[in-house]
Amino acid sequence: MTSNTLVLHHYSDKSDFQWDAGQMCGDIPGRKPGGLWLSDDSKQEGWLSVCRHVFEDAKLRYQYQHECVVALDRILWLQTRAAMERFNSNYGAVDKPEACLHIDWGRVKDDYGGILIIPFHPSLSKQKPFYDWYRFDCASGCIWDRACLVRVTSGIKTKFPWDVPE
């Protein structure tokens, strides 16, 4: 891989990958962008780890792992607290009743082809006003511009680490 790409994983209930609504999550206005959700499983903060500790039923639904090579040229990659604070300042608006920051995902999508939150910073969600980064669940991202995908492999049946005796 070149330095302007990154290998991430998409988990699905389908073995064949298709860029269609069946593989995508829809927008949740202010809360979560719609698109293809990807996980960074290179450390213990990716989707597999979250499934093990939080979403017990996910391993039953999302049994296929697709390797996705992502071009980073049009991706907003938030790697630090300072970058996340700038993002909040540029794209967020405080919802007064909830004292929670809501993101204008339409504006983000106009400016970028996707977003990565790697590494994951769950402690930032506890501060107000701050966007609730728990919605990203783990070290992950979402892409909505198909041109950001360089290559995707067909899904392989996931071997969940907790299914193997230690």
Protein backbone atom coordinates (compact mmCIF):
# COMPACT_ATOMS: atom_id res chain seq x y z
CA MET A 1 0.00 0.00 0.00
CA THR A 2 1.09 3.53 -0.60
CA SER A 3 1.31 6.02 2.23
CA ASN A 4 -1.93 7.70 1.15
CA THR A 5 -4.06 4.58 1.71
CA LEU A 6 -5.17 2.67 4.78
CA VAL A 7 -6.48 -0.89 5.18
CA LEU A 8 -9.66 -1.11 7.27
CA HIS A 9 -12.46 -3.68 7.62
CA HIS A 10 -16.18 -3.63 6.96
CA TYR A 11 -18.37 -6.24 8.69
CA SER A 12 -21.52 -7.41 6.98
CA ASP A 13 -24.16 -10.10 6.91
CA LYS A 14 -23.33 -10.57 3.20
CA SER A 15 -20.31 -12.39 1.79
CA ASP A 16 -20.33 -10.39 -1.46
CA PHE A 17 -19.56 -6.70 -1.21
CA GLN A 18 -21.71 -4.27 -3.16
CA TRP A 19 -21.81 -0.50 -2.84
CA ASP A 20 -25.53 -0.34 -2.17
CA ALA A 21 -28.05 0.44 0.52
CA GLY A 22 -27.77 -3.11 1.87
CA GLN A 23 -24.18 -2.47 2.94
CA MET A 24 -24.74 1.13 4.08
CA CYS A 25 -26.15 2.73 7.18
CA GLY A 26 -28.45 5.69 6.69
CA ASP A 27 -27.90 9.16 8.11
CA ILE A 28 -29.08 9.84 11.63
CA PRO A 29 -29.36 13.64 11.40
CA GLY A 30 -26.98 15.44 13.75
CA ARG A 31 -25.88 12.19 15.30
CA LYS A 32 -24.28 9.78 12.82
CA PRO A 33 -23.31 10.02 9.15
CA GLY A 34 -24.69 7.56 6.65
CA GLY A 35 -22.34 5.51 4.53
CA LEU A 36 -20.05 2.51 4.67
CA TRP A 37 -18.78 1.93 8.21
CA LEU A 38 -15.22 0.67 8.59
CA SER A 39 -13.20 -0.56 11.57
CA ASP A 40 -9.53 -0.35 12.46
CA ASP A 41 -8.83 -3.80 13.87
CA SER A 42 -5.07 -3.28 14.12
CA LYS A 43 -5.37 -2.62 17.85
CA GLN A 44 -7.74 -3.71 20.61
CA GLU A 45 -10.16 -0.83 19.99
CA GLY A 46 -11.82 -1.98 16.75
CA TRP A 47 -15.20 -3.51 15.98
CA LEU A 48 -14.22 -7.05 16.99
CA SER A 49 -13.29 -5.83 20.45
CA VAL A 50 -16.57 -3.90 20.77
CA CYS A 51 -18.54 -6.99 19.73
CA ARG A 52 -16.82 -9.00 22.40
CA HIS A 53 -17.52 -6.51 25.18
CA VAL A 54 -20.65 -4.58 24.15
CA PHE A 55 -22.67 -5.87 21.20
CA GLU A 56 -23.05 -9.57 21.87
CA ASP A 57 -25.58 -10.08 19.07
CA ALA A 58 -23.43 -8.37 16.41
CA LYS A 59 -21.25 -11.43 15.91
CA LEU A 60 -24.35 -13.34 14.87
CA ARG A 61 -25.39 -10.74 12.28
CA TYR A 62 -22.11 -9.45 10.85
CA GLN A 63 -20.22 -12.64 10.11
CA TYR A 64 -18.33 -11.53 7.00
CA GLN A 65 -15.23 -9.37 7.04
CA HIS A 66 -14.38 -7.31 3.95
CA GLU A 67 -10.90 -5.82 3.66
CA CYS A 68 -11.19 -2.26 2.37
CA VAL A 69 -8.30 -0.20 1.06
CA VAL A 70 -9.22 3.45 1.54
CA ALA A 71 -7.64 6.41 -0.29
CA LEU A 72 -6.99 9.09 2.33
CA ASP A 73 -6.89 12.11 0.00
CA ARG A 74 -10.52 13.15 0.67
CA ILE A 75 -10.87 11.61 4.13
CA LEU A 76 -11.02 13.71 7.28
CA TRP A 77 -8.89 11.77 9.77
CA LEU A 78 -9.31 12.95 13.36
CA GLN A 79 -6.36 11.48 15.25
CA THR A 80 -5.97 13.88 18.17
CA ARG A 81 -8.06 15.68 20.73
CA ALA A 82 -7.12 19.02 19.14
CA ALA A 83 -8.32 17.83 15.71
CA MET A 84 -11.61 16.67 17.23
CA GLU A 85 -12.07 20.02 18.97
CA ARG A 86 -11.49 21.87 15.66
CA PHE A 87 -14.00 19.55 13.97
CA ASN A 88 -16.58 20.24 16.69
CA SER A 89 -16.01 23.97 16.34
CA ASN A 90 -16.33 23.89 12.54
CA TYR A 91 -19.27 21.51 12.14
CA GLY A 92 -21.11 21.37 15.47
CA ALA A 93 -24.05 23.18 17.02
CA VAL A 94 -25.16 22.79 20.62
CA ASP A 95 -28.60 21.31 21.18
CA LYS A 96 -29.74 23.32 24.21
CA PRO A 97 -32.07 20.80 25.91
CA GLU A 98 -29.51 17.99 25.70
CA ALA A 99 -26.39 20.21 26.03
CA CYS A 100 -24.96 17.89 23.40
CA LEU A 101 -23.17 18.90 20.24
CA HIS A 102 -24.89 17.89 17.02
CA ILE A 103 -22.84 17.64 13.85
CA ASP A 104 -23.98 19.05 10.50
CA TRP A 105 -23.10 15.90 8.56
CA GLY A 106 -24.38 17.44 5.31
CA ARG A 107 -21.65 20.10 5.51
CA VAL A 108 -19.03 17.48 6.39
CA LYS A 109 -20.11 15.42 3.37
CA ASP A 110 -19.81 18.49 1.14
CA ASP A 111 -16.20 18.94 2.27
CA TYR A 112 -14.97 15.33 2.55
CA GLY A 113 -15.53 11.83 1.22
CA GLY A 114 -15.45 10.24 4.66
CA ILE A 115 -14.28 10.53 8.25
CA LEU A 116 -11.99 8.41 10.44
CA ILE A 117 -11.84 8.52 14.24
CA ILE A 118 -8.66 6.54 14.80
CA PRO A 119 -7.62 6.18 17.55
CA PHE A 120 -10.91 6.17 19.45
CA HIS A 121 -11.24 8.80 22.22
CA PRO A 122 -14.29 7.78 24.30
CA SER A 123 -13.36 10.08 27.20
CA LEU A 124 -14.20 13.13 25.07
CA SER A 125 -17.88 12.13 25.11
CA LYS A 126 -18.07 12.85 28.82
CA GLN A 127 -17.39 16.57 28.38
CA LYS A 128 -20.12 19.09 27.56
CA PRO A 129 -20.62 20.43 25.05
CA PHE A 130 -18.84 17.80 23.03
CA TYR A 131 -20.08 15.58 20.26
CA ASP A 132 -21.02 12.17 21.59
CA TRP A 133 -18.18 10.17 20.08
CA TYR A 134 -19.58 6.99 21.64
CA ARG A 135 -21.78 6.89 18.55
CA PHE A 136 -18.69 5.79 16.65
CA ASP A 137 -18.42 2.79 19.05
CA CYS A 138 -14.73 2.10 18.36
CA ALA A 139 -11.70 3.06 16.27
CA SER A 140 -13.64 3.41 13.06
CA GLY A 141 -14.88 5.62 10.30
CA CYS A 142 -17.51 6.11 7.67
CA ILE A 143 -17.10 6.82 3.98
CA TRP A 144 -19.85 8.10 1.73
CA ASP A 145 -17.86 8.79 -1.45
CA ARG A 146 -17.30 5.57 -3.37
CA ALA A 147 -14.19 7.07 -4.99
CA CYS A 148 -12.47 6.78 -1.59
CA LEU A 149 -12.49 2.97 -1.89
CA VAL A 150 -9.44 1.73 -3.78
CA ARG A 151 -10.23 -1.98 -3.37
CA VAL A 152 -12.58 -4.25 -1.42
CA THR A 153 -12.20 -7.99 -1.01
CA SER A 154 -15.18 -10.32 -0.84
CA GLY A 155 -16.10 -11.22 2.69
CA ILE A 156 -14.42 -14.00 4.55
CA LYS A 157 -16.22 -15.70 7.40
CA THR A 158 -15.06 -13.96 10.55
CA LYS A 159 -13.31 -16.01 13.18
CA PHE A 160 -14.21 -14.23 16.36
CA PRO A 161 -11.33 -14.40 18.86
CA TRP A 162 -13.63 -15.33 21.73
CA ASP A 163 -14.95 -18.38 19.87
CA VAL A 164 -11.50 -19.97 19.99
CA PRO A 165 -10.59 -21.66 23.30
CA GLU A 166 -7.72 -19.89 25.03
